[in-house]
Amino acid sequence: MAFCFYFLYGLCRRAFNEAVKQLSRVSDPNIAQMLGVIRQREPLAIVMEYLSHGDLRQFLQQRVFDDATDRMHRNGPPSLR
């Protein structure tokens, strides 16, 4: 399984622990899972699953672009009436 690290420099431990608590509650096959946490020393880090298609925003932007391009190829360019 691939994974990636998110390093959190200068984040207060209380905010970091709250983020870890919230991420630990997420359990959905469509959302990257938290795999682990590094708390012993700076930088604090959250280890997450690697998303091969990028983040959700990138995925959705590409999908909207692809859909619009497909529609244009099927229907031709929009008319300027």
PDB file of N, CA and C in Angstrom:
ATOM      1  N   MET A   1       0.840  -1.177   0.000  1.00  0.00           N
ATOM      2  CA  MET A   1       0.000   0.000   0.000  1.00  0.00           C
ATOM      3  C   MET A   1       0.883   1.237   0.000  1.00  0.00           C
ATOM      4  N   ALA A   2       0.556   2.177  -0.851  1.00  0.00           N
ATOM      5  CA  ALA A   2       1.294   3.434  -0.906  1.00  0.00           C
ATOM      6  C   ALA A   2       0.757   4.376   0.158  1.00  0.00           C
ATOM      7  N   PHE A   3       1.601   5.294   0.595  1.00  0.00           N
ATOM      8  CA  PHE A   3       1.168   6.247   1.605  1.00  0.00           C
ATOM      9  C   PHE A   3       1.927   7.543   1.442  1.00  0.00           C
ATOM     10  N   CYS A   4       1.450   8.578   2.083  1.00  0.00           N
ATOM     11  CA  CYS A   4       2.155   9.855   2.049  1.00  0.00           C
ATOM     12  C   CYS A   4       2.129  10.469   3.445  1.00  0.00           C
ATOM     13  N   PHE A   5       3.070  11.363   3.675  1.00  0.00           N
ATOM     14  CA  PHE A   5       3.190  12.040   4.960  1.00  0.00           C
ATOM     15  C   PHE A   5       2.736  13.480   4.813  1.00  0.00           C
ATOM     16  N   TYR A   6       2.011  13.988   5.798  1.00  0.00           N
ATOM     17  CA  TYR A   6       1.702  15.403   5.896  1.00  0.00           C
ATOM     18  C   TYR A   6       2.419  15.913   7.135  1.00  0.00           C
ATOM     19  N   PHE A   7       3.449  16.735   6.918  1.00  0.00           N
ATOM     20  CA  PHE A   7       4.213  17.269   8.040  1.00  0.00           C
ATOM     21  C   PHE A   7       3.570  18.562   8.509  1.00  0.00           C
ATOM     22  N   LEU A   8       3.441  18.694   9.806  1.00  0.00           N
ATOM     23  CA  LEU A   8       2.769  19.843  10.383  1.00  0.00           C
ATOM     24  C   LEU A   8       3.739  20.586  11.289  1.00  0.00           C
ATOM     25  N   TYR A   9       4.367  21.592  10.744  1.00  0.00           N
ATOM     26  CA  TYR A   9       5.320  22.390  11.499  1.00  0.00           C
ATOM     27  C   TYR A   9       4.588  23.508  12.229  1.00  0.00           C
ATOM     28  N   GLY A  10       4.933  23.688  13.479  1.00  0.00           N
ATOM     29  CA  GLY A  10       4.420  24.820  14.228  1.00  0.00           C
ATOM     30  C   GLY A  10       2.950  24.720  14.619  1.00  0.00           C
ATOM     31  N   LEU A  11       2.324  23.611  14.399  1.00  0.00           N
ATOM     32  CA  LEU A  11       0.928  23.452  14.798  1.00  0.00           C
ATOM     33  C   LEU A  11       0.896  23.096  16.276  1.00  0.00           C
ATOM     34  N   CYS A  12       0.038  23.746  17.030  1.00  0.00           N
ATOM     35  CA  CYS A  12      -0.011  23.428  18.454  1.00  0.00           C
ATOM     36  C   CYS A  12      -0.514  22.001  18.636  1.00  0.00           C
ATOM     37  N   ARG A  13      -0.028  21.352  19.652  1.00  0.00           N
ATOM     38  CA  ARG A  13      -0.372  19.939  19.885  1.00  0.00           C
ATOM     39  C   ARG A  13      -1.871  19.736  20.085  1.00  0.00           C
ATOM     40  N   ARG A  14      -2.535  20.686  20.691  1.00  0.00           N
ATOM     41  CA  ARG A  14      -3.972  20.538  20.908  1.00  0.00           C
ATOM     42  C   ARG A  14      -4.705  20.469  19.561  1.00  0.00           C
ATOM     43  N   ALA A  15      -4.373  21.357  18.640  1.00  0.00           N
ATOM     44  CA  ALA A  15      -4.995  21.352  17.311  1.00  0.00           C
ATOM     45  C   ALA A  15      -4.626  20.082  16.556  1.00  0.00           C
ATOM     46  N   PHE A  16      -3.368  19.663  16.682  1.00  0.00           N
ATOM     47  CA  PHE A  16      -2.922  18.439  16.019  1.00  0.00           C
ATOM     48  C   PHE A  16      -3.702  17.228  16.542  1.00  0.00           C
ATOM     49  N   ASN A  17      -3.803  17.121  17.864  1.00  0.00           N
ATOM     50  CA  ASN A  17      -4.520  15.987  18.455  1.00  0.00           C
ATOM     51  C   ASN A  17      -6.000  15.996  18.070  1.00  0.00           C
ATOM     52  N   GLU A  18      -6.591  17.182  17.962  1.00  0.00           N
ATOM     53  CA  GLU A  18      -7.992  17.282  17.542  1.00  0.00           C
ATOM     54  C   GLU A  18      -8.151  16.811  16.091  1.00  0.00           C
ATOM     55  N   ALA A  19      -7.225  17.208  15.241  1.00  0.00           N
ATOM     56  CA  ALA A  19      -7.273  16.764  13.840  1.00  0.00           C
ATOM     57  C   ALA A  19      -7.128  15.246  13.757  1.00  0.00           C
ATOM     58  N   VAL A  20      -6.220  14.686  14.541  1.00  0.00           N
ATOM     59  CA  VAL A  20      -6.027  13.232  14.561  1.00  0.00           C
ATOM     60  C   VAL A  20      -7.300  12.537  15.025  1.00  0.00           C
ATOM     61  N   LYS A  21      -7.935  13.082  16.057  1.00  0.00           N
ATOM     62  CA  LYS A  21      -9.167  12.489  16.580  1.00  0.00           C
ATOM     63  C   LYS A  21     -10.258  12.487  15.502  1.00  0.00           C
ATOM     64  N   GLN A  22     -10.407  13.606  14.806  1.00  0.00           N
ATOM     65  CA  GLN A  22     -11.429  13.693  13.760  1.00  0.00           C
ATOM     66  C   GLN A  22     -11.130  12.743  12.604  1.00  0.00           C
ATOM     67  N   LEU A  23      -9.865  12.687  12.177  1.00  0.00           N
ATOM     68  CA  LEU A  23      -9.498  11.790  11.075  1.00  0.00           C
ATOM     69  C   LEU A  23      -9.677  10.329  11.455  1.00  0.00           C
ATOM     70  N   SER A  24      -9.482   9.993  12.720  1.00  0.00           N
ATOM     71  CA  SER A  24      -9.609   8.601  13.140  1.00  0.00           C
ATOM     72  C   SER A  24     -11.057   8.126  13.081  1.00  0.00           C
ATOM     73  N   ARG A  25     -11.996   9.057  13.082  1.00  0.00           N
ATOM     74  CA  ARG A  25     -13.423   8.695  13.015  1.00  0.00           C
ATOM     75  C   ARG A  25     -13.896   8.460  11.583  1.00  0.00           C
ATOM     76  N   VAL A  26     -13.119   8.903  10.602  1.00  0.00           N
ATOM     77  CA  VAL A  26     -13.531   8.785   9.201  1.00  0.00           C
ATOM     78  C   VAL A  26     -13.322   7.355   8.730  1.00  0.00           C
ATOM     79  N   SER A  27     -14.374   6.761   8.230  1.00  0.00           N
ATOM     80  CA  SER A  27     -14.283   5.403   7.700  1.00  0.00           C
ATOM     81  C   SER A  27     -15.193   5.303   6.482  1.00  0.00           C
ATOM     82  N   ASP A  28     -14.616   5.593   5.331  1.00  0.00           N
ATOM     83  CA  ASP A  28     -15.370   5.574   4.089  1.00  0.00           C
ATOM     84  C   ASP A  28     -14.420   5.120   2.986  1.00  0.00           C
ATOM     85  N   PRO A  29     -14.836   4.167   2.156  1.00  0.00           N
ATOM     86  CA  PRO A  29     -13.938   3.672   1.109  1.00  0.00           C
ATOM     87  C   PRO A  29     -13.585   4.737   0.073  1.00  0.00           C
ATOM     88  N   ASN A  30     -14.322   5.841   0.034  1.00  0.00           N
ATOM     89  CA  ASN A  30     -14.068   6.905  -0.936  1.00  0.00           C
ATOM     90  C   ASN A  30     -13.206   8.036  -0.388  1.00  0.00           C
ATOM     91  N   ILE A  31     -12.744   7.896   0.846  1.00  0.00           N
ATOM     92  CA  ILE A  31     -11.928   8.928   1.480  1.00  0.00           C
ATOM     93  C   ILE A  31     -10.620   8.293   1.931  1.00  0.00           C
ATOM     94  N   ALA A  32      -9.510   8.997   1.666  1.00  0.00           N
ATOM     95  CA  ALA A  32      -8.200   8.499   2.087  1.00  0.00           C
ATOM     96  C   ALA A  32      -8.202   8.263   3.594  1.00  0.00           C
ATOM     97  N   GLN A  33      -7.653   7.159   3.996  1.00  0.00           N
ATOM     98  CA  GLN A  33      -7.630   6.784   5.411  1.00  0.00           C
ATOM     99  C   GLN A  33      -6.335   7.229   6.078  1.00  0.00           C
ATOM    100  N   MET A  34      -6.457   7.597   7.340  1.00  0.00           N
ATOM    101  CA  MET A  34      -5.280   7.892   8.134  1.00  0.00           C
ATOM    102  C   MET A  34      -4.657   6.554   8.516  1.00  0.00           C
ATOM    103  N   LEU A  35      -3.369   6.407   8.238  1.00  0.00           N
ATOM    104  CA  LEU A  35      -2.684   5.151   8.528  1.00  0.00           C
ATOM    105  C   LEU A  35      -1.884   5.208   9.819  1.00  0.00           C
ATOM    106  N   GLY A  36      -1.477   6.388  10.214  1.00  0.00           N
ATOM    107  CA  GLY A  36      -0.681   6.496  11.426  1.00  0.00           C
ATOM    108  C   GLY A  36      -0.370   7.944  11.759  1.00  0.00           C
ATOM    109  N   VAL A  37       0.263   8.121  12.911  1.00  0.00           N
ATOM    110  CA  VAL A  37       0.580   9.450  13.415  1.00  0.00           C
ATOM    111  C   VAL A  37       1.980   9.411  14.003  1.00  0.00           C
ATOM    112  N   ILE A  38       2.739  10.474  13.792  1.00  0.00           N
ATOM    113  CA  ILE A  38       4.059  10.617  14.413  1.00  0.00           C
ATOM    114  C   ILE A  38       3.977  11.805  15.352  1.00  0.00           C
ATOM    115  N   ARG A  39       4.069  11.532  16.664  1.00  0.00           N
ATOM    116  CA  ARG A  39       3.906  12.569  17.684  1.00  0.00           C
ATOM    117  C   ARG A  39       5.138  12.750  18.576  1.00  0.00           C
ATOM    118  N   GLN A  40       6.131  11.871  18.451  1.00  0.00           N
ATOM    119  CA  GLN A  40       7.232  11.888  19.413  1.00  0.00           C
ATOM    120  C   GLN A  40       8.038  13.179  19.377  1.00  0.00           C
ATOM    121  N   ARG A  41       8.283  13.711  18.173  1.00  0.00           N
ATOM    122  CA  ARG A  41       9.089  14.925  18.066  1.00  0.00           C
ATOM    123  C   ARG A  41       8.677  15.689  16.810  1.00  0.00           C
ATOM    124  N   GLU A  42       9.115  16.946  16.741  1.00  0.00           N
ATOM    125  CA  GLU A  42       8.824  17.779  15.577  1.00  0.00           C
ATOM    126  C   GLU A  42       9.599  17.247  14.374  1.00  0.00           C
ATOM    127  N   PRO A  43       9.072  17.314  13.196  1.00  0.00           N
ATOM    128  CA  PRO A  43       7.731  17.776  12.894  1.00  0.00           C
ATOM    129  C   PRO A  43       6.701  16.692  13.187  1.00  0.00           C
ATOM    130  N   LEU A  44       5.548  17.122  13.672  1.00  0.00           N
ATOM    131  CA  LEU A  44       4.436  16.199  13.845  1.00  0.00           C
ATOM    132  C   LEU A  44       3.999  15.766  12.445  1.00  0.00           C
ATOM    133  N   ALA A  45       3.479  14.566  12.316  1.00  0.00           N
ATOM    134  CA  ALA A  45       3.097  14.097  10.984  1.00  0.00           C
ATOM    135  C   ALA A  45       1.888  13.177  11.060  1.00  0.00           C
ATOM    136  N   ILE A  46       1.077  13.247  10.022  1.00  0.00           N
ATOM    137  CA  ILE A  46      -0.040  12.333   9.839  1.00  0.00           C
ATOM    138  C   ILE A  46       0.265  11.536   8.584  1.00  0.00           C
ATOM    139  N   VAL A  47       0.198  10.222   8.682  1.00  0.00           N
ATOM    140  CA  VAL A  47       0.461   9.346   7.540  1.00  0.00           C
ATOM    141  C   VAL A  47      -0.888   8.944   6.949  1.00  0.00           C
ATOM    142  N   MET A  48      -1.069   9.280   5.666  1.00  0.00           N
ATOM    143  CA  MET A  48      -2.342   9.020   4.991  1.00  0.00           C
ATOM    144  C   MET A  48      -2.114   8.094   3.805  1.00  0.00           C
ATOM    145  N   GLU A  49      -3.202   7.448   3.378  1.00  0.00           N
ATOM    146  CA  GLU A  49      -3.153   6.671   2.143  1.00  0.00           C
ATOM    147  C   GLU A  49      -2.762   7.585   0.996  1.00  0.00           C
ATOM    148  N   TYR A  50      -2.064   7.023   0.022  1.00  0.00           N
ATOM    149  CA  TYR A  50      -1.703   7.769  -1.178  1.00  0.00           C
ATOM    150  C   TYR A  50      -2.877   7.750  -2.143  1.00  0.00           C
ATOM    151  N   LEU A  51      -3.206   8.903  -2.689  1.00  0.00           N
ATOM    152  CA  LEU A  51      -4.303   9.009  -3.651  1.00  0.00           C
ATOM    153  C   LEU A  51      -3.706   9.105  -5.053  1.00  0.00           C
ATOM    154  N   SER A  52      -3.807   8.043  -5.816  1.00  0.00           N
ATOM    155  CA  SER A  52      -3.158   7.996  -7.122  1.00  0.00           C
ATOM    156  C   SER A  52      -3.749   8.990  -8.120  1.00  0.00           C
ATOM    157  N   HIS A  53      -4.970   9.442  -7.888  1.00  0.00           N
ATOM    158  CA  HIS A  53      -5.592  10.413  -8.791  1.00  0.00           C
ATOM    159  C   HIS A  53      -5.508  11.833  -8.252  1.00  0.00           C
ATOM    160  N   GLY A  54      -4.665  12.077  -7.260  1.00  0.00           N
ATOM    161  CA  GLY A  54      -4.565  13.399  -6.668  1.00  0.00           C
ATOM    162  C   GLY A  54      -5.649  13.598  -5.629  1.00  0.00           C
ATOM    163  N   ASP A  55      -5.778  14.841  -5.188  1.00  0.00           N
ATOM    164  CA  ASP A  55      -6.803  15.103  -4.181  1.00  0.00           C
ATOM    165  C   ASP A  55      -8.170  15.239  -4.845  1.00  0.00           C
ATOM    166  N   LEU A  56      -9.208  15.298  -4.037  1.00  0.00           N
ATOM    167  CA  LEU A  56     -10.572  15.332  -4.545  1.00  0.00           C
ATOM    168  C   LEU A  56     -10.801  16.532  -5.450  1.00  0.00           C
ATOM    169  N   ARG A  57     -10.264  17.687  -5.073  1.00  0.00           N
ATOM    170  CA  ARG A  57     -10.442  18.894  -5.891  1.00  0.00           C
ATOM    171  C   ARG A  57      -9.857  18.697  -7.282  1.00  0.00           C
ATOM    172  N   GLN A  58      -8.636  18.167  -7.366  1.00  0.00           N
ATOM    173  CA  GLN A  58      -8.017  17.912  -8.669  1.00  0.00           C
ATOM    174  C   GLN A  58      -8.841  16.917  -9.475  1.00  0.00           C
ATOM    175  N   PHE A  59      -9.289  15.860  -8.830  1.00  0.00           N
ATOM    176  CA  PHE A  59     -10.080  14.834  -9.502  1.00  0.00           C
ATOM    177  C   PHE A  59     -11.364  15.426 -10.079  1.00  0.00           C
ATOM    178  N   LEU A  60     -12.072  16.217  -9.278  1.00  0.00           N
ATOM    179  CA  LEU A  60     -13.328  16.801  -9.742  1.00  0.00           C
ATOM    180  C   LEU A  60     -13.107  17.816 -10.850  1.00  0.00           C
ATOM    181  N   GLN A  61     -12.062  18.638 -10.731  1.00  0.00           N
ATOM    182  CA  GLN A  61     -11.769  19.605 -11.789  1.00  0.00           C
ATOM    183  C   GLN A  61     -11.480  18.893 -13.101  1.00  0.00           C
ATOM    184  N   GLN A  62     -10.685  17.839 -13.064  1.00  0.00           N
ATOM    185  CA  GLN A  62     -10.364  17.101 -14.273  1.00  0.00           C
ATOM    186  C   GLN A  62     -11.616  16.436 -14.837  1.00  0.00           C
ATOM    187  N   ARG A  63     -12.444  15.916 -13.966  1.00  0.00           N
ATOM    188  CA  ARG A  63     -13.661  15.243 -14.423  1.00  0.00           C
ATOM    189  C   ARG A  63     -14.611  16.224 -15.104  1.00  0.00           C
ATOM    190  N   VAL A  64     -14.770  17.416 -14.529  1.00  0.00           N
ATOM    191  CA  VAL A  64     -15.624  18.439 -15.139  1.00  0.00           C
ATOM    192  C   VAL A  64     -15.053  18.819 -16.501  1.00  0.00           C
ATOM    193  N   PHE A  65     -13.742  19.006 -16.589  1.00  0.00           N
ATOM    194  CA  PHE A  65     -13.097  19.338 -17.860  1.00  0.00           C
ATOM    195  C   PHE A  65     -13.312  18.220 -18.870  1.00  0.00           C
ATOM    196  N   ASP A  66     -13.101  16.974 -18.453  1.00  0.00           N
ATOM    197  CA  ASP A  66     -13.286  15.833 -19.356  1.00  0.00           C
ATOM    198  C   ASP A  66     -14.726  15.737 -19.841  1.00  0.00           C
ATOM    199  N   ASP A  67     -15.697  15.931 -18.949  1.00  0.00           N
ATOM    200  CA  ASP A  67     -17.107  15.873 -19.325  1.00  0.00           C
ATOM    201  C   ASP A  67     -17.445  16.965 -20.332  1.00  0.00           C
ATOM    202  N   ALA A  68     -16.948  18.186 -20.092  1.00  0.00           N
ATOM    203  CA  ALA A  68     -17.221  19.299 -21.005  1.00  0.00           C
ATOM    204  C   ALA A  68     -16.586  19.039 -22.367  1.00  0.00           C
ATOM    205  N   THR A  69     -15.385  18.495 -22.373  1.00  0.00           N
ATOM    206  CA  THR A  69     -14.707  18.182 -23.628  1.00  0.00           C
ATOM    207  C   THR A  69     -15.467  17.097 -24.388  1.00  0.00           C
ATOM    208  N   ASP A  70     -15.930  16.065 -23.688  1.00  0.00           N
ATOM    209  CA  ASP A  70     -16.718  15.002 -24.326  1.00  0.00           C
ATOM    210  C   ASP A  70     -17.990  15.565 -24.949  1.00  0.00           C
ATOM    211  N   ARG A  71     -18.686  16.441 -24.210  1.00  0.00           N
ATOM    212  CA  ARG A  71     -19.917  17.040 -24.730  1.00  0.00           C
ATOM    213  C   ARG A  71     -19.635  17.862 -25.975  1.00  0.00           C
ATOM    214  N   MET A  72     -18.539  18.616 -25.967  1.00  0.00           N
ATOM    215  CA  MET A  72     -18.199  19.449 -27.111  1.00  0.00           C
ATOM    216  C   MET A  72     -17.903  18.589 -28.338  1.00  0.00           C
ATOM    217  N   HIS A  73     -17.217  17.458 -28.136  1.00  0.00           N
ATOM    218  CA  HIS A  73     -16.914  16.567 -29.263  1.00  0.00           C
ATOM    219  C   HIS A  73     -18.184  15.922 -29.815  1.00  0.00           C
ATOM    220  N   ARG A  74     -19.107  15.585 -28.934  1.00  0.00           N
ATOM    221  CA  ARG A  74     -20.365  14.973 -29.383  1.00  0.00           C
ATOM    222  C   ARG A  74     -21.280  15.972 -30.066  1.00  0.00           C
ATOM    223  N   ASN A  75     -21.392  17.165 -29.506  1.00  0.00           N
ATOM    224  CA  ASN A  75     -22.381  18.156 -29.963  1.00  0.00           C
ATOM    225  C   ASN A  75     -21.796  19.276 -30.784  1.00  0.00           C
ATOM    226  N   GLY A  76     -20.496  19.362 -30.884  1.00  0.00           N
ATOM    227  CA  GLY A  76     -19.879  20.504 -31.556  1.00  0.00           C
ATOM    228  C   GLY A  76     -19.781  21.685 -30.613  1.00  0.00           C
ATOM    229  N   PRO A  77     -19.056  22.718 -31.006  1.00  0.00           N
ATOM    230  CA  PRO A  77     -18.915  23.872 -30.120  1.00  0.00           C
ATOM    231  C   PRO A  77     -20.255  24.582 -29.947  1.00  0.00           C
ATOM    232  N   PRO A  78     -20.437  25.244 -28.809  1.00  0.00           N
ATOM    233  CA  PRO A  78     -21.706  25.933 -28.569  1.00  0.00           C
ATOM    234  C   PRO A  78     -21.902  27.061 -29.590  1.00  0.00           C
ATOM    235  N   SER A  79     -23.139  27.269 -29.993  1.00  0.00           N
ATOM    236  CA  SER A  79     -23.421  28.340 -30.959  1.00  0.00           C
ATOM    237  C   SER A  79     -23.554  29.659 -30.215  1.00  0.00           C
ATOM    238  N   LEU A  80     -23.331  30.740 -30.936  1.00  0.00           N
ATOM    239  CA  LEU A  80     -23.407  32.080 -30.352  1.00  0.00           C
ATOM    240  C   LEU A  80     -24.677  32.765 -30.830  1.00  0.00           C
ATOM    241  N   ARG A  81     -25.794  32.180 -30.579  1.00  0.00           N
ATOM    242  CA  ARG A  81     -27.076  32.771 -31.007  1.00  0.00           C
ATOM    243  C   ARG A  81     -27.516  33.826 -30.059  1.00  0.00           C
TER     244      ARG A  81
END
